[in-house]
Amino acid sequence: MELMLGNEAVARGAWEAGVTVATAYPGTPSTEITEVISAWPEVYSEWSPNEKVALEVAIGASMGGARAICSMKHVGVNVAADPLFTVAYTGVRGGLVIAAADDPGMHSSQNEQDSRYYARSAHIPMLEPADSAECLAYTKRAFELSEAYDTPVFLRLVTRIAHARSLVQPGARQEVPLKPYEKDVGKYVMMPAGARKRHLVVEAREKKFLEDIGSLGLNRIEYADKSVGVVCSGAAYNYVKEALPGVSVLKLGIVYPLDENIIREFAANVETLYVIEELEPYFEDAIKAMGIACSGKDKTGLQGELFARKVGHLFGGEPAVGPLETPDIPGRPPVLCPGCPHRGMFSVLRDMKLTVTADIGCYTLGALPPLNAVDSVVCMGASIGMALGLEKARGRDFGKKTVAVIGDSTFIHSGITGLIDVVYNSGHATVIIADNSTTGMTGHQQNPTTGADIHGRPAPQLNLEKLCEAIGIANVRVVDPYKMKEFRAVVQEELDREGPSVIIARRPCVLLFKEAPTPDVIDQDACIECGACLKVGCPALLKAEDGMRIDDSLCKGCHLCASVCPKGAIKGGKTNG
């Protein structure tokens, strides 16, 4: 037995199931699935430019007769939705599993969307494990069901399953030979005439799946006190078992399609029926539509995560551990790392009083005090299109005070088409690509701009300057965001220029450097305690009772604080890079 993260167990399950292709775009809480899989040489693994491409590669692998897994976070399913809905029509040749990790409570996401609705809308079966052992077992089962019913299969995780550890019994790898490839236009060419026929196949497939669902063994009833019955799945099952140990439980391992027979059987044998689920009332609405009385969301609400103490408190049981109240402790908002190159960039943009449309990544934190530089964050790639929209709505003068900020990986993911739109529709947007040489927010994965693949092996390195020029950007500037005066001058020049511009703020992520830097120091005699250095928002700087201080254990020697000190009181040591 081994302790494994849920994500590790999914990866192990895919490997044991004989997967030979694994694709993903990194996104918390799903990232570790593909990171772990990439260690096995039997599996081709890649970081794809975005989730749509990742799924298309996996679909191609399945069409070629291989078992394939594609992993993404919940908002990544939006990006992959175009091929997703159509592969439900084409079906599969080799098993195809799509791991979608939801994020109740939005630990690292911009919304709380519920992926179960994608399964229902696309008519794709969805399994949901409740611990790491089930992550492994359900992943293997998902491949079997995919091939048995000629369908992709969703595996739904949530953060508390993906990132929690529990015991798993690893097994041996099943070597699954490639299925023969044969041209099948009716199955894979989704022109309207063919797609209409395949839609009938989807409906027939789902009907057959529902006929068999009771024998698949993934839904189970656990009778105890029949005065109360609870329908639940995934993480919520664990909370119910801990907080309400005496109640009867219907645990749904298949969350789409729903087994109406077992739900009716369970409801008929309990006096009061609750549905305990995170996010949307997906189960609850479906059960009510069957004409079965139940409740749940009136107690749990639609936002945030559940946990055992909350479930116990809301549903009349005793909290399992401690009181519901939490101690009054100081908040710890996320913050850019000491030495982060984005800090200099946002300090300049704030001081220039610009409107900043930003994007998904570390640089999202530029919205927080004391930087306070960001006006909007919507989704991957939105910053560029939104900057163009602001200009078109409010005029060129407003555009001259607006910049779009996007990361190198995010630009590849979703920003290129936005920049093409700026050029094509005669925009004047100034776009800043924050190039930190990695995919930082999710833990330093490679991307097409880094010159290495998922294994760290050399790979063709995308040249951002040439790419932007090829799109039609005549003015492409590269500047070090540590050099704040130079950076400010470049930004102002490009804002004043007619036509679109791209500024590449290039400085590697400070966490990529292994050499310990020499911290900056403060000359206490010269320091006037004006607090100018604090405005860069570095956690290594603090104001103590005896004056301004730099925490040597945090300082990376970037000298940004020194560059804003009006008295030259901060002396720099040796910096990385």
Protein backbone atom coordinates (compact mmCIF):
# COMPACT_ATOMS: atom_id res chain seq x y z
CA MET A 1 0.00 0.00 0.00
CA GLU A 2 1.17 3.51 -0.78
CA LEU A 3 -0.02 6.97 0.18
CA MET A 4 -0.86 8.85 -3.00
CA LEU A 5 -2.38 12.14 -3.98
CA GLY A 6 -5.60 11.70 -5.86
CA ASN A 7 -3.85 13.08 -8.94
CA GLU A 8 -0.99 10.61 -8.50
CA ALA A 9 -3.50 7.78 -8.25
CA VAL A 10 -5.23 8.88 -11.46
CA ALA A 11 -1.85 8.87 -13.18
CA ARG A 12 -1.09 5.43 -11.77
CA GLY A 13 -4.49 4.16 -12.88
CA ALA A 14 -3.92 5.45 -16.40
CA TRP A 15 -0.50 3.79 -16.52
CA GLU A 16 -1.88 0.49 -15.22
CA ALA A 17 -4.66 0.71 -17.82
CA GLY A 18 -2.08 0.71 -20.60
CA VAL A 19 -2.28 4.36 -21.59
CA THR A 20 0.27 5.32 -24.23
CA VAL A 21 -0.64 9.01 -24.78
CA ALA A 22 -1.20 11.67 -22.08
CA THR A 23 -1.86 15.34 -22.85
CA ALA A 24 -2.64 18.40 -20.78
CA TYR A 25 -2.26 22.08 -20.24
CA PRO A 26 -1.18 22.69 -16.63
CA GLY A 27 -3.92 23.99 -14.39
CA THR A 28 -4.41 23.61 -10.64
CA PRO A 29 -5.81 21.29 -9.33
CA SER A 30 -5.14 18.89 -12.24
CA THR A 31 -1.46 19.53 -13.01
CA GLU A 32 0.13 16.62 -11.17
CA ILE A 33 -1.72 14.00 -13.22
CA THR A 34 0.37 14.62 -16.30
CA GLU A 35 3.53 15.48 -14.36
CA VAL A 36 3.43 12.03 -12.75
CA ILE A 37 2.54 10.22 -15.98
CA SER A 38 5.47 11.86 -17.77
CA ALA A 39 7.90 9.85 -15.64
CA TRP A 40 6.87 6.59 -17.33
CA PRO A 41 8.74 6.02 -20.61
CA GLU A 42 5.94 3.81 -21.95
CA VAL A 43 3.69 6.86 -22.23
CA TYR A 44 4.06 9.74 -24.65
CA SER A 45 3.32 12.85 -22.56
CA GLU A 46 3.08 16.50 -23.53
CA TRP A 47 2.25 19.94 -22.29
CA SER A 48 -0.01 21.20 -25.03
CA PRO A 49 -0.43 24.89 -25.92
CA ASN A 50 -3.97 24.80 -24.51
CA GLU A 51 -6.70 22.37 -23.48
CA LYS A 52 -8.39 22.35 -26.89
CA VAL A 53 -5.18 21.19 -28.54
CA ALA A 54 -4.55 18.70 -25.72
CA LEU A 55 -7.93 17.08 -26.26
CA GLU A 56 -7.53 17.04 -30.04
CA VAL A 57 -4.19 15.23 -29.71
CA ALA A 58 -5.80 12.72 -27.35
CA ILE A 59 -8.71 12.25 -29.77
CA GLY A 60 -6.21 11.57 -32.56
CA ALA A 61 -4.40 9.03 -30.40
CA SER A 62 -7.70 7.30 -29.63
CA MET A 63 -8.62 7.33 -33.31
CA GLY A 64 -5.24 5.70 -33.93
CA GLY A 65 -6.17 2.82 -31.60
CA ALA A 66 -4.31 3.88 -28.44
CA ARG A 67 -5.61 4.51 -24.96
CA ALA A 68 -5.25 8.21 -24.15
CA ILE A 69 -5.92 10.51 -21.20
CA CYS A 70 -6.36 14.27 -21.36
CA SER A 71 -6.27 16.27 -18.11
CA MET A 72 -7.40 19.80 -17.31
CA LYS A 73 -8.96 21.98 -14.66
CA HIS A 74 -12.61 22.92 -14.85
CA VAL A 75 -12.14 26.17 -16.78
CA GLY A 76 -9.96 24.25 -19.21
CA VAL A 77 -13.04 22.25 -20.17
CA ASN A 78 -14.44 25.50 -21.55
CA VAL A 79 -11.43 25.81 -23.83
CA ALA A 80 -11.76 22.17 -24.90
CA ALA A 81 -15.55 22.32 -25.36
CA ASP A 82 -15.48 22.50 -29.16
CA PRO A 83 -13.83 19.11 -29.76
CA LEU A 84 -15.43 17.73 -26.58
CA PHE A 85 -19.01 17.91 -27.81
CA THR A 86 -18.11 16.41 -31.17
CA VAL A 87 -15.97 13.53 -29.88
CA ALA A 88 -19.10 12.50 -27.98
CA TYR A 89 -20.57 11.93 -31.46
CA THR A 90 -17.56 10.26 -33.07
CA GLY A 91 -16.92 7.95 -30.16
CA VAL A 92 -13.55 6.30 -29.75
CA ARG A 93 -11.35 3.49 -30.99
CA GLY A 94 -8.85 3.32 -28.15
CA GLY A 95 -10.20 4.30 -24.74
CA LEU A 96 -10.34 8.05 -24.11
CA VAL A 97 -10.57 9.49 -20.59
CA ILE A 98 -10.93 13.21 -19.86
CA ALA A 99 -9.90 14.12 -16.32
CA ALA A 100 -11.60 17.37 -15.26
CA ALA A 101 -10.68 18.86 -11.88
CA ASP A 102 -13.20 21.28 -10.35
CA ASP A 103 -12.21 23.83 -7.72
CA PRO A 104 -14.98 24.46 -5.15
CA GLY A 105 -13.97 27.42 -3.05
CA MET A 106 -11.86 28.81 -5.89
CA HIS A 107 -8.47 28.12 -4.31
CA SER A 108 -6.78 28.93 -7.62
CA SER A 109 -9.57 29.72 -10.06
CA GLN A 110 -11.70 32.56 -11.33
CA ASN A 111 -15.02 30.72 -11.00
CA GLU A 112 -16.70 27.69 -9.44
CA GLN A 113 -18.30 26.12 -12.49
CA ASP A 114 -19.53 22.54 -12.15
CA SER A 115 -18.18 20.12 -14.77
CA ARG A 116 -21.04 17.69 -14.19
CA TYR A 117 -23.16 19.85 -16.48
CA TYR A 118 -20.68 19.34 -19.31
CA ALA A 119 -21.15 15.59 -18.99
CA ARG A 120 -24.91 15.97 -19.09
CA SER A 121 -24.90 18.43 -21.98
CA ALA A 122 -22.43 16.44 -24.09
CA HIS A 123 -23.95 13.04 -23.12
CA ILE A 124 -20.61 11.71 -21.91
CA PRO A 125 -20.50 9.32 -18.92
CA MET A 126 -18.83 10.79 -15.85
CA LEU A 127 -17.29 8.95 -12.90
CA GLU A 128 -16.39 10.64 -9.63
CA PRO A 129 -14.00 9.03 -7.13
CA ALA A 130 -14.10 9.75 -3.40
CA ASP A 131 -10.48 8.95 -2.46
CA SER A 132 -7.15 8.03 -4.00
CA ALA A 133 -7.93 4.30 -4.14
CA GLU A 134 -11.04 5.08 -6.15
CA CYS A 135 -9.05 7.52 -8.31
CA LEU A 136 -6.89 4.61 -9.42
CA ALA A 137 -9.73 2.11 -9.74
CA TYR A 138 -12.15 4.50 -11.47
CA THR A 139 -9.52 5.60 -13.97
CA LYS A 140 -8.94 2.01 -15.03
CA ARG A 141 -12.66 1.40 -15.13
CA ALA A 142 -13.18 4.54 -17.21
CA PHE A 143 -10.99 3.13 -19.97
CA GLU A 144 -12.91 -0.14 -19.94
CA LEU A 145 -16.24 1.69 -20.17
CA SER A 146 -14.91 3.98 -22.89
CA GLU A 147 -14.10 1.06 -25.14
CA ALA A 148 -17.13 -1.01 -24.19
CA TYR A 149 -19.59 1.79 -25.02
CA ASP A 150 -17.62 3.60 -27.74
CA THR A 151 -17.54 6.87 -25.83
CA PRO A 152 -15.12 9.23 -24.14
CA VAL A 153 -15.51 9.11 -20.37
CA PHE A 154 -15.13 11.96 -17.91
CA LEU A 155 -13.32 11.47 -14.62
CA ARG A 156 -14.35 14.28 -12.30
CA LEU A 157 -12.13 15.37 -9.44
CA VAL A 158 -12.38 18.24 -7.00
CA THR A 159 -9.48 19.94 -5.26
CA ARG A 160 -9.87 17.99 -2.00
CA ILE A 161 -9.68 14.68 -3.86
CA ALA A 162 -6.97 15.72 -6.33
CA HIS A 163 -4.71 17.08 -3.57
CA ALA A 164 -5.49 14.76 -0.66
CA ARG A 165 -3.54 11.61 0.12
CA SER A 166 -4.97 8.23 0.98
CA LEU A 167 -3.87 4.62 0.73
CA VAL A 168 -3.66 2.96 -2.66
CA GLN A 169 -2.72 -0.56 -3.69
CA PRO A 170 -0.69 -0.21 -6.89
CA GLY A 171 -0.93 -2.91 -9.52
CA ALA A 172 0.85 -4.03 -12.65
CA ARG A 173 0.61 -2.38 -16.03
CA GLN A 174 -1.72 -3.88 -18.58
CA GLU A 175 -0.16 -3.79 -22.00
CA VAL A 176 -2.98 -2.96 -24.38
CA PRO A 177 -2.11 -3.46 -28.05
CA LEU A 178 -3.04 -0.77 -30.55
CA LYS A 179 -6.40 -1.42 -32.08
CA PRO A 180 -6.27 -1.72 -35.86
CA TYR A 181 -6.73 1.52 -37.74
CA GLU A 182 -9.26 1.63 -40.53
CA LYS A 183 -10.74 4.57 -42.36
CA ASP A 184 -14.29 5.23 -41.17
CA VAL A 185 -15.75 8.39 -42.68
CA GLY A 186 -19.19 7.83 -41.19
CA LYS A 187 -17.71 7.68 -37.68
CA TYR A 188 -15.12 10.42 -37.79
CA VAL A 189 -16.12 12.96 -40.45
CA MET A 190 -18.70 15.14 -38.73
CA MET A 191 -20.31 16.87 -41.64
CA PRO A 192 -24.01 17.47 -40.97
CA ALA A 193 -25.20 14.33 -42.74
CA GLY A 194 -22.79 12.14 -40.80
CA ALA A 195 -23.24 13.99 -37.53
CA ARG A 196 -27.01 13.52 -37.63
CA LYS A 197 -26.51 9.76 -37.84
CA ARG A 198 -23.94 9.78 -35.06
CA HIS A 199 -26.29 11.74 -32.79
CA LEU A 200 -28.64 8.78 -33.01
CA VAL A 201 -25.71 6.57 -31.99
CA VAL A 202 -25.10 8.78 -28.94
CA GLU A 203 -28.70 8.45 -27.81
CA ALA A 204 -28.69 4.68 -28.35
CA ARG A 205 -25.37 4.38 -26.51
CA GLU A 206 -26.69 6.27 -23.52
CA LYS A 207 -29.82 4.12 -23.45
CA LYS A 208 -27.68 0.97 -23.42
CA PHE A 209 -25.44 2.42 -20.71
CA LEU A 210 -28.47 3.13 -18.54
CA GLU A 211 -29.76 -0.40 -19.07
CA ASP A 212 -26.43 -1.72 -17.80
CA ILE A 213 -25.71 0.88 -15.12
CA GLY A 214 -27.07 -1.17 -12.24
CA SER A 215 -24.60 -3.96 -12.98
CA LEU A 216 -21.50 -1.76 -13.22
CA GLY A 217 -21.05 -1.67 -9.44
CA LEU A 218 -20.03 1.98 -9.19
CA ASN A 219 -23.13 3.19 -7.34
CA ARG A 220 -23.88 1.66 -3.94
CA ILE A 221 -26.33 1.94 -1.05
CA GLU A 222 -25.08 1.84 2.53
CA TYR A 223 -28.09 1.40 4.82
CA ALA A 224 -27.91 2.40 8.48
CA ASP A 225 -30.50 4.56 10.24
CA LYS A 226 -33.27 4.75 7.65
CA SER A 227 -34.85 7.83 9.18
CA VAL A 228 -32.33 9.88 7.20
CA GLY A 229 -30.88 9.10 3.79
CA VAL A 230 -28.20 11.10 1.99
CA VAL A 231 -27.34 11.09 -1.71
CA CYS A 232 -23.77 12.18 -2.35
CA SER A 233 -20.59 11.54 -4.32
CA GLY A 234 -16.88 12.26 -4.32
CA ALA A 235 -15.53 14.49 -1.57
CA ALA A 236 -19.00 15.04 -0.10
CA TYR A 237 -19.25 11.31 0.61
CA ASN A 238 -16.26 11.55 2.93
CA TYR A 239 -17.74 14.52 4.76
CA VAL A 240 -21.06 12.71 5.22
CA LYS A 241 -19.43 9.54 6.53
CA GLU A 242 -17.37 11.53 9.01
CA ALA A 243 -20.01 13.98 10.21
CA LEU A 244 -23.15 11.85 9.96
CA PRO A 245 -21.95 8.29 10.62
CA GLY A 246 -25.37 6.89 11.49
CA VAL A 247 -27.30 7.84 8.37
CA SER A 248 -28.04 5.77 5.28
CA VAL A 249 -26.05 6.79 2.21
CA LEU A 250 -26.41 6.41 -1.54
CA LYS A 251 -22.93 6.93 -2.95
CA LEU A 252 -22.99 7.74 -6.64
CA GLY A 253 -19.78 6.80 -8.43
CA ILE A 254 -21.42 7.44 -11.81
CA VAL A 255 -22.63 11.03 -11.74
CA TYR A 256 -23.80 11.02 -15.34
CA PRO A 257 -26.03 9.42 -16.45
CA LEU A 258 -27.93 9.02 -13.21
CA ASP A 259 -29.29 5.63 -12.23
CA GLU A 260 -32.92 6.46 -11.59
CA ASN A 261 -33.70 2.93 -10.38
CA ILE A 262 -31.22 2.95 -7.50
CA ILE A 263 -32.22 6.51 -6.55
CA ARG A 264 -35.89 5.52 -6.39
CA GLU A 265 -35.06 2.38 -4.40
CA PHE A 266 -33.04 4.38 -1.89
CA ALA A 267 -35.62 7.15 -1.57
CA ALA A 268 -38.39 4.61 -0.96
CA ASN A 269 -36.49 3.11 1.97
CA VAL A 270 -35.61 6.26 3.92
CA GLU A 271 -37.92 8.69 5.67
CA THR A 272 -36.15 11.98 4.92
CA LEU A 273 -33.93 12.39 1.86
CA TYR A 274 -31.08 14.89 1.72
CA VAL A 275 -28.72 15.60 -1.13
CA ILE A 276 -25.30 16.81 -0.03
CA GLU A 277 -23.18 18.07 -2.91
CA GLU A 278 -20.80 20.92 -3.61
CA LEU A 279 -21.45 23.67 -6.12
CA GLU A 280 -24.67 23.42 -8.12
CA PRO A 281 -27.81 21.42 -7.19
CA TYR A 282 -27.03 18.94 -9.95
CA PHE A 283 -28.24 15.81 -8.13
CA GLU A 284 -30.96 17.64 -6.26
CA ASP A 285 -32.61 19.11 -9.35
CA ALA A 286 -32.43 15.78 -11.17
CA ILE A 287 -33.97 13.89 -8.24
CA LYS A 288 -36.74 16.45 -7.85
CA ALA A 289 -37.41 16.10 -11.59
CA MET A 290 -38.04 12.39 -10.91
CA GLY A 291 -40.84 13.48 -8.59
CA ILE A 292 -38.88 12.56 -5.45
CA ALA A 293 -38.95 14.96 -2.50
CA CYS A 294 -35.49 15.96 -1.25
CA SER A 295 -33.55 18.95 -0.03
CA GLY A 296 -29.99 20.04 0.56
CA LYS A 297 -29.03 23.27 -1.13
CA ASP A 298 -31.35 25.18 1.17
CA LYS A 299 -28.83 24.29 3.88
CA THR A 300 -25.47 24.13 2.10
CA GLY A 301 -25.85 26.99 -0.37
CA LEU A 302 -24.28 27.31 -3.81
CA GLN A 303 -20.84 28.69 -2.94
CA GLY A 304 -17.65 27.29 -1.55
CA GLU A 305 -16.49 23.96 -0.27
CA LEU A 306 -18.16 21.64 2.16
CA PHE A 307 -16.26 20.03 5.03
CA ALA A 308 -17.16 17.56 7.73
CA ARG A 309 -17.79 20.06 10.52
CA LYS A 310 -20.03 22.14 8.28
CA VAL A 311 -22.02 19.11 7.16
CA GLY A 312 -22.43 18.00 10.78
CA HIS A 313 -23.54 21.44 11.83
CA LEU A 314 -26.03 21.96 8.99
CA PHE A 315 -27.66 18.56 9.07
CA GLY A 316 -28.14 18.02 12.78
CA GLY A 317 -25.20 15.80 13.55
CA GLU A 318 -22.39 16.48 15.96
CA PRO A 319 -19.38 18.17 14.41
CA ALA A 320 -16.73 15.51 14.06
CA VAL A 321 -13.74 17.62 15.05
CA GLY A 322 -13.88 20.80 17.10
CA PRO A 323 -16.30 23.69 16.88
CA LEU A 324 -17.54 25.23 13.67
CA GLU A 325 -16.02 28.58 14.60
CA THR A 326 -12.44 29.27 13.57
CA PRO A 327 -9.96 31.32 15.58
CA ASP A 328 -9.49 34.97 14.71
CA ILE A 329 -6.17 34.83 12.87
CA PRO A 330 -4.62 37.38 10.53
CA GLY A 331 -5.35 36.96 6.86
CA ARG A 332 -2.54 35.80 4.56
CA PRO A 333 -3.33 37.07 1.08
CA PRO A 334 -1.27 35.64 -1.79
CA VAL A 335 1.68 37.76 -2.83
CA LEU A 336 4.28 37.83 -5.58
CA CYS A 337 7.50 36.12 -4.49
CA PRO A 338 10.45 38.22 -3.34
CA GLY A 339 12.44 39.13 -6.43
CA CYS A 340 9.53 38.44 -8.80
CA PRO A 341 10.11 40.33 -12.08
CA HIS A 342 6.40 41.14 -12.30
CA ARG A 343 6.71 43.40 -9.25
CA GLY A 344 8.75 46.03 -11.07
CA MET A 345 6.40 45.92 -14.04
CA PHE A 346 3.29 46.50 -11.94
CA SER A 347 4.95 49.18 -9.82
CA VAL A 348 5.57 51.15 -13.00
CA LEU A 349 2.06 50.59 -14.40
CA ARG A 350 0.52 51.66 -11.08
CA ASP A 351 2.62 54.81 -10.87
CA MET A 352 1.69 55.67 -14.47
CA LYS A 353 -1.99 55.38 -13.46
CA LEU A 354 -2.82 53.17 -16.43
CA THR A 355 -5.85 50.99 -16.99
CA VAL A 356 -4.48 47.44 -16.95
CA THR A 357 -6.37 44.46 -18.34
CA ALA A 358 -4.55 41.44 -16.93
CA ASP A 359 -4.77 37.69 -17.29
CA ILE A 360 -4.55 34.34 -15.51
CA GLY A 361 -1.18 33.63 -13.92
CA CYS A 362 1.18 34.88 -11.24
CA TYR A 363 0.73 38.40 -12.58
CA THR A 364 -2.93 38.31 -11.52
CA LEU A 365 -1.52 39.21 -8.09
CA GLY A 366 -0.72 42.66 -9.45
CA ALA A 367 -4.30 43.50 -8.49
CA LEU A 368 -3.57 43.25 -4.75
CA PRO A 369 -2.24 45.97 -2.44
CA PRO A 370 0.13 47.69 -2.42
CA LEU A 371 0.56 47.26 -6.19
CA ASN A 372 -3.12 47.86 -7.01
CA ALA A 373 -2.26 47.94 -10.70
CA VAL A 374 -4.83 45.64 -12.31
CA ASP A 375 -8.34 46.58 -13.45
CA SER A 376 -9.62 43.24 -14.79
CA VAL A 377 -8.95 39.50 -14.88
CA VAL A 378 -11.49 37.32 -16.70
CA CYS A 379 -9.95 34.27 -18.36
CA MET A 380 -6.91 32.99 -20.23
CA GLY A 381 -6.18 35.38 -23.07
CA ALA A 382 -8.94 37.89 -22.30
CA SER A 383 -6.60 40.77 -21.49
CA ILE A 384 -5.77 41.55 -25.12
CA GLY A 385 -9.31 41.43 -26.47
CA MET A 386 -10.57 43.47 -23.52
CA ALA A 387 -7.94 46.17 -24.11
CA LEU A 388 -9.11 46.40 -27.72
CA GLY A 389 -12.72 46.55 -26.58
CA LEU A 390 -11.98 49.38 -24.16
CA GLU A 391 -10.29 51.33 -26.92
CA LYS A 392 -13.16 50.78 -29.34
CA ALA A 393 -15.73 51.75 -26.71
CA ARG A 394 -14.01 54.79 -25.23
CA GLY A 395 -11.78 56.07 -28.00
CA ARG A 396 -8.12 56.36 -28.83
CA ASP A 397 -7.34 58.74 -25.96
CA PHE A 398 -8.50 56.13 -23.45
CA GLY A 399 -6.48 53.51 -25.31
CA LYS A 400 -3.36 55.61 -24.81
CA LYS A 401 -3.75 55.01 -21.08
CA THR A 402 -4.49 51.29 -21.35
CA VAL A 403 -2.22 48.25 -21.49
CA ALA A 404 -2.91 44.52 -21.66
CA VAL A 405 -0.69 42.24 -19.58
CA ILE A 406 -0.37 38.55 -20.39
CA GLY A 407 2.20 35.84 -19.55
CA ASP A 408 4.35 33.95 -22.02
CA SER A 409 2.54 30.63 -21.52
CA THR A 410 -0.87 32.31 -21.45
CA PHE A 411 -0.06 34.21 -24.64
CA ILE A 412 0.57 30.90 -26.37
CA HIS A 413 -2.55 29.41 -24.77
CA SER A 414 -5.06 32.06 -25.81
CA GLY A 415 -3.41 35.38 -26.55
CA ILE A 416 -2.23 34.99 -30.15
CA THR A 417 -5.69 35.19 -31.68
CA GLY A 418 -6.49 38.27 -29.57
CA LEU A 419 -3.37 39.99 -30.87
CA ILE A 420 -4.31 39.07 -34.44
CA ASP A 421 -7.68 40.71 -33.78
CA VAL A 422 -5.94 43.90 -32.66
CA VAL A 423 -3.95 44.03 -35.89
CA TYR A 424 -6.80 42.99 -38.15
CA ASN A 425 -9.27 45.50 -36.74
CA SER A 426 -6.88 48.45 -36.65
CA GLY A 427 -6.42 48.59 -32.91
CA HIS A 428 -3.71 50.55 -31.12
CA ALA A 429 -3.43 48.34 -28.07
CA THR A 430 -0.17 48.13 -26.16
CA VAL A 431 0.36 44.54 -25.04
CA ILE A 432 2.92 43.57 -22.41
CA ILE A 433 4.00 39.92 -22.48
CA ALA A 434 5.38 39.10 -19.04
CA ASP A 435 7.96 36.52 -20.10
CA ASN A 436 9.32 34.79 -17.01
CA SER A 437 10.61 31.75 -18.95
CA THR A 438 8.22 29.28 -17.34
CA THR A 439 4.61 28.49 -16.48
CA GLY A 440 4.97 29.88 -12.99
CA MET A 441 1.60 29.75 -11.25
CA THR A 442 1.19 25.98 -11.63
CA GLY A 443 4.70 25.05 -10.55
CA HIS A 444 7.17 25.78 -13.36
CA GLN A 445 6.07 23.61 -16.26
CA GLN A 446 7.69 23.99 -19.64
CA ASN A 447 5.92 25.67 -22.53
CA PRO A 448 6.74 26.35 -26.20
CA THR A 449 8.74 29.47 -25.30
CA THR A 450 11.13 27.77 -22.85
CA GLY A 451 13.12 25.58 -25.23
CA ALA A 452 12.38 22.35 -23.36
CA ASP A 453 9.62 19.72 -23.39
CA ILE A 454 7.75 18.10 -20.50
CA HIS A 455 10.80 15.92 -19.73
CA GLY A 456 13.21 18.86 -19.74
CA ARG A 457 14.72 17.73 -23.04
CA PRO A 458 15.66 20.38 -25.63
CA ALA A 459 12.77 21.40 -27.83
CA PRO A 460 12.32 24.03 -30.53
CA GLN A 461 11.97 27.37 -28.79
CA LEU A 462 9.24 29.67 -29.99
CA ASN A 463 10.55 33.16 -30.68
CA LEU A 464 7.98 35.58 -29.30
CA GLU A 465 9.48 38.57 -31.12
CA LYS A 466 9.27 36.91 -34.52
CA LEU A 467 5.81 35.54 -33.80
CA CYS A 468 4.50 39.00 -32.96
CA GLU A 469 6.17 40.46 -36.04
CA ALA A 470 4.63 37.72 -38.22
CA ILE A 471 1.19 38.63 -36.87
CA GLY A 472 1.74 42.20 -38.04
CA ILE A 473 3.16 43.98 -34.98
CA ALA A 474 5.73 46.43 -36.32
CA ASN A 475 6.87 47.59 -32.88
CA VAL A 476 8.17 44.80 -30.64
CA ARG A 477 10.33 45.88 -27.71
CA VAL A 478 12.19 43.72 -25.19
CA VAL A 479 12.96 45.18 -21.79
CA ASP A 480 14.05 43.96 -18.35
CA PRO A 481 11.30 44.80 -15.82
CA TYR A 482 13.94 45.08 -13.10
CA LYS A 483 15.11 48.22 -14.92
CA MET A 484 12.10 50.26 -13.89
CA LYS A 485 13.11 53.62 -15.38
CA GLU A 486 13.87 52.06 -18.76
CA PHE A 487 10.68 50.02 -18.58
CA ARG A 488 8.59 53.11 -17.86
CA ALA A 489 10.13 54.98 -20.76
CA VAL A 490 9.43 52.10 -23.16
CA VAL A 491 5.81 51.80 -22.00
CA GLN A 492 5.23 55.53 -22.49
CA GLU A 493 6.81 55.49 -25.95
CA GLU A 494 4.60 52.63 -27.08
CA LEU A 495 1.45 54.16 -25.61
CA ASP A 496 2.15 57.32 -27.58
CA ARG A 497 2.85 55.45 -30.79
CA GLU A 498 0.14 54.96 -33.40
CA GLY A 499 -0.64 51.34 -34.11
CA PRO A 500 -0.36 48.22 -31.95
CA SER A 501 2.74 47.48 -29.92
CA VAL A 502 4.13 44.55 -27.96
CA ILE A 503 6.52 44.97 -25.05
CA ILE A 504 8.16 41.76 -23.89
CA ALA A 505 9.04 42.19 -20.21
CA ARG A 506 11.70 39.48 -20.08
CA ARG A 507 13.23 38.31 -16.83
CA PRO A 508 13.27 34.65 -15.70
CA CYS A 509 11.23 33.67 -12.65
CA VAL A 510 13.40 34.14 -9.59
CA LEU A 511 12.58 30.61 -8.40
CA LEU A 512 14.38 29.14 -11.41
CA PHE A 513 17.74 30.20 -9.97
CA LYS A 514 19.43 27.85 -7.54
CA GLU A 515 22.33 30.09 -6.50
CA ALA A 516 21.69 31.95 -3.26
CA PRO A 517 21.69 35.73 -3.88
CA THR A 518 23.32 38.35 -1.72
CA PRO A 519 20.54 40.26 0.05
CA ASP A 520 20.17 44.01 -0.21
CA VAL A 521 20.96 46.05 2.91
CA ILE A 522 19.60 49.30 4.33
CA ASP A 523 21.89 52.11 5.47
CA GLN A 524 20.00 53.09 8.61
CA ASP A 525 21.78 56.43 8.81
CA ALA A 526 20.59 57.40 5.32
CA CYS A 527 17.07 55.93 5.60
CA ILE A 528 14.33 58.49 6.36
CA GLU A 529 11.61 55.82 6.78
CA CYS A 530 9.49 57.36 4.03
CA GLY A 531 8.04 53.98 3.06
CA ALA A 532 8.68 54.37 -0.69
CA CYS A 533 10.30 50.94 -0.77
CA LEU A 534 7.18 49.34 0.71
CA LYS A 535 5.16 50.40 -2.33
CA VAL A 536 6.85 47.72 -4.46
CA GLY A 537 5.05 45.17 -2.27
CA CYS A 538 8.00 42.90 -1.51
CA PRO A 539 7.46 40.61 1.52
CA ALA A 540 11.16 40.86 2.36
CA LEU A 541 10.67 44.51 3.36
CA LEU A 542 9.16 45.44 6.69
CA LYS A 543 8.83 48.42 8.94
CA ALA A 544 9.98 47.52 12.43
CA GLU A 545 9.97 49.58 15.61
CA ASP A 546 13.59 50.49 15.06
CA GLY A 547 13.23 51.37 11.37
CA MET A 548 13.03 49.78 7.94
CA ARG A 549 14.36 46.25 7.68
CA ILE A 550 15.09 43.66 4.96
CA ASP A 551 14.53 40.00 5.82
CA ASP A 552 17.73 38.29 4.68
CA SER A 553 15.97 34.94 4.43
CA LEU A 554 13.55 36.30 1.82
CA CYS A 555 15.50 38.93 -0.11
CA LYS A 556 16.60 37.90 -3.61
CA GLY A 557 18.78 40.93 -4.22
CA CYS A 558 16.65 42.23 -7.10
CA HIS A 559 17.26 45.87 -6.10
CA LEU A 560 13.77 47.05 -6.96
CA CYS A 561 13.49 48.63 -3.54
CA ALA A 562 16.82 50.36 -4.10
CA SER A 563 15.59 51.81 -7.39
CA VAL A 564 12.69 53.62 -5.69
CA CYS A 565 14.53 54.81 -2.58
CA PRO A 566 14.78 58.63 -2.79
CA LYS A 567 17.86 58.73 -0.54
CA GLY A 568 19.84 55.83 -1.99
CA ALA A 569 19.72 54.18 1.42
CA ILE A 570 19.38 50.64 0.07
CA LYS A 571 22.55 49.04 -1.19
CA GLY A 572 22.46 46.10 -3.54
CA GLY A 573 24.34 42.90 -3.27
CA LYS A 574 24.74 40.27 -5.98
CA THR A 575 21.54 39.40 -7.86
CA ASN A 576 20.66 36.39 -9.97
CA GLY A 577 20.37 36.68 -13.69
